[in-house]
Protein backbone atom coordinates (compact mmCIF):
# COMPACT_ATOMS: atom_id res chain seq x y z
CA GLU A 1 94.55 64.13 31.83
CA VAL A 2 90.90 63.62 30.35
CA GLN A 3 90.44 60.36 28.81
CA LEU A 4 87.55 58.59 27.08
CA VAL A 5 87.97 54.91 26.06
CA GLU A 6 85.19 53.15 23.96
CA SER A 7 84.38 49.58 23.53
CA GLY A 8 81.72 47.03 22.34
CA GLY A 9 81.72 47.57 18.57
CA GLY A 10 81.68 44.64 16.35
CA LEU A 11 79.94 43.18 13.24
CA VAL A 12 76.27 42.39 13.58
CA GLN A 13 73.67 41.49 11.03
CA PRO A 14 70.70 43.86 9.96
CA GLY A 15 68.35 43.95 12.92
CA GLY A 16 70.92 43.16 15.65
CA SER A 17 72.13 44.73 18.63
CA LEU A 18 75.19 46.07 20.27
CA ARG A 19 75.86 47.72 23.65
CA LEU A 20 78.77 50.44 23.53
CA SER A 21 80.49 51.47 26.62
CA CYS A 22 82.63 54.60 27.22
CA ALA A 23 85.15 54.73 30.31
CA ALA A 24 85.64 58.35 31.34
CA SER A 25 88.56 59.45 33.58
CA GLY A 26 90.44 62.66 34.71
CA PHE A 27 87.20 64.88 35.32
CA SER A 28 84.34 65.03 37.67
CA PHE A 29 82.31 62.79 35.28
CA GLY A 30 78.86 62.95 36.93
CA THR A 31 78.60 66.80 36.49
CA TYR A 32 78.99 66.90 32.77
CA GLU A 33 77.01 65.73 29.85
CA MET A 34 78.42 63.28 27.34
CA ASP A 35 77.92 62.79 23.61
CA TRP A 36 77.90 59.97 21.17
CA ILE A 37 78.84 60.92 17.77
CA ARG A 38 79.49 58.52 14.61
CA GLN A 39 81.42 58.86 11.37
CA ALA A 40 81.08 56.55 8.34
CA PRO A 41 83.81 56.42 5.81
CA GLY A 42 83.75 59.50 3.71
CA ASN A 43 81.20 61.26 5.66
CA ALA A 44 81.51 64.24 8.14
CA PRO A 45 81.00 63.23 11.91
CA GLU A 46 77.28 63.01 12.80
CA TRP A 47 75.78 63.60 16.26
CA VAL A 48 73.91 60.53 17.78
CA SER A 49 72.87 61.38 21.37
CA THR A 50 73.63 63.52 24.58
CA ILE A 51 73.04 62.44 28.06
CA ARG A 52 73.25 65.36 30.60
CA GLY A 53 75.14 65.30 33.74
CA GLY A 54 73.41 65.11 37.15
CA GLY A 55 69.83 63.72 36.32
CA GLY A 56 70.76 62.58 32.89
CA GLY A 57 68.18 63.94 30.63
CA THR A 58 68.71 62.62 26.99
CA ASN A 59 68.50 63.86 23.40
CA TYR A 60 68.72 61.76 20.22
CA ALA A 61 69.24 62.43 16.57
CA SER A 62 66.13 62.12 14.44
CA PHE A 63 67.54 59.11 12.59
CA VAL A 64 67.67 57.17 15.80
CA LYS A 65 63.89 56.75 15.74
CA GLY A 66 63.67 55.03 19.17
CA ARG A 67 66.26 52.45 18.28
CA PHE A 68 69.03 53.76 20.73
CA THR A 69 69.24 54.36 24.19
CA VAL A 70 71.94 56.36 25.95
CA SER A 71 72.60 55.75 29.81
CA ARG A 72 75.12 56.61 32.38
CA ASP A 73 76.74 55.15 35.54
CA ASN A 74 78.09 57.93 37.43
CA ALA A 75 79.52 55.75 40.18
CA LYS A 76 81.50 53.84 37.45
CA ASN A 77 82.37 56.72 35.43
CA MET A 78 80.69 55.02 32.44
CA VAL A 79 78.42 55.99 29.74
CA TYR A 80 76.68 53.54 27.32
CA LEU A 81 74.73 53.29 24.11
CA GLN A 82 72.43 50.47 23.33
CA LEU A 83 71.99 50.16 19.81
CA ASN A 84 68.86 48.09 18.62
CA ASN A 85 67.49 47.24 15.30
CA LEU A 86 70.73 48.03 13.57
CA GLN A 87 70.84 48.79 9.70
CA PRO A 88 73.43 48.92 7.23
CA GLU A 89 73.34 52.63 7.25
CA ASP A 90 74.40 52.68 10.89
CA THR A 91 77.87 51.25 10.02
CA ALA A 92 80.25 54.02 11.41
CA VAL A 93 82.94 54.53 13.89
CA TYR A 94 81.26 55.49 17.18
CA TYR A 95 82.80 57.97 19.52
CA CYS A 96 82.14 59.16 22.98
CA ALA A 97 82.88 62.92 23.27
CA GLN A 98 82.99 65.50 26.07
CA SER A 99 82.64 69.14 24.64
CA ASN A 100 83.73 71.23 27.59
CA PHE A 101 87.05 69.57 27.43
CA ASN A 102 86.92 69.09 23.74
CA VAL A 103 87.90 65.55 24.01
CA ARG A 104 86.52 62.33 22.20
CA GLY A 105 87.83 58.69 22.53
CA GLN A 106 89.56 56.63 19.93
CA GLY A 107 86.19 55.21 18.69
CA THR A 108 84.68 51.68 18.25
CA GLN A 109 83.92 50.22 14.77
CA VAL A 110 80.31 49.16 14.30
CA THR A 111 79.55 47.31 11.16
CA VAL A 112 76.18 46.18 10.20
CA SER A 113 75.97 43.52 7.23
CA SER A 114 74.42 40.38 6.19
């Protein structure tokens, strides 16, 4: 069974940082690209970033503006999203997802507020 489990969310002040983690199981993790998406209350899901399998090339949504960094550790079946300079508009539930298997995790809440 393909499973994704996120962790690392929380409440931070504007300008703060968080590191989100996603533990993957049930498939050959290193081969597949992984996505991060987010969903704010009342909004549609929004793509944040993708990291490809193998060499791990990356892509980011334009709103990231150099603030977020996606990475992966294929030996540990983990993917990470480092969030820096967080702003209130980044408040959302963040999910990791794998499109080939059409699966995403349960999400982790990120709240940015003073």
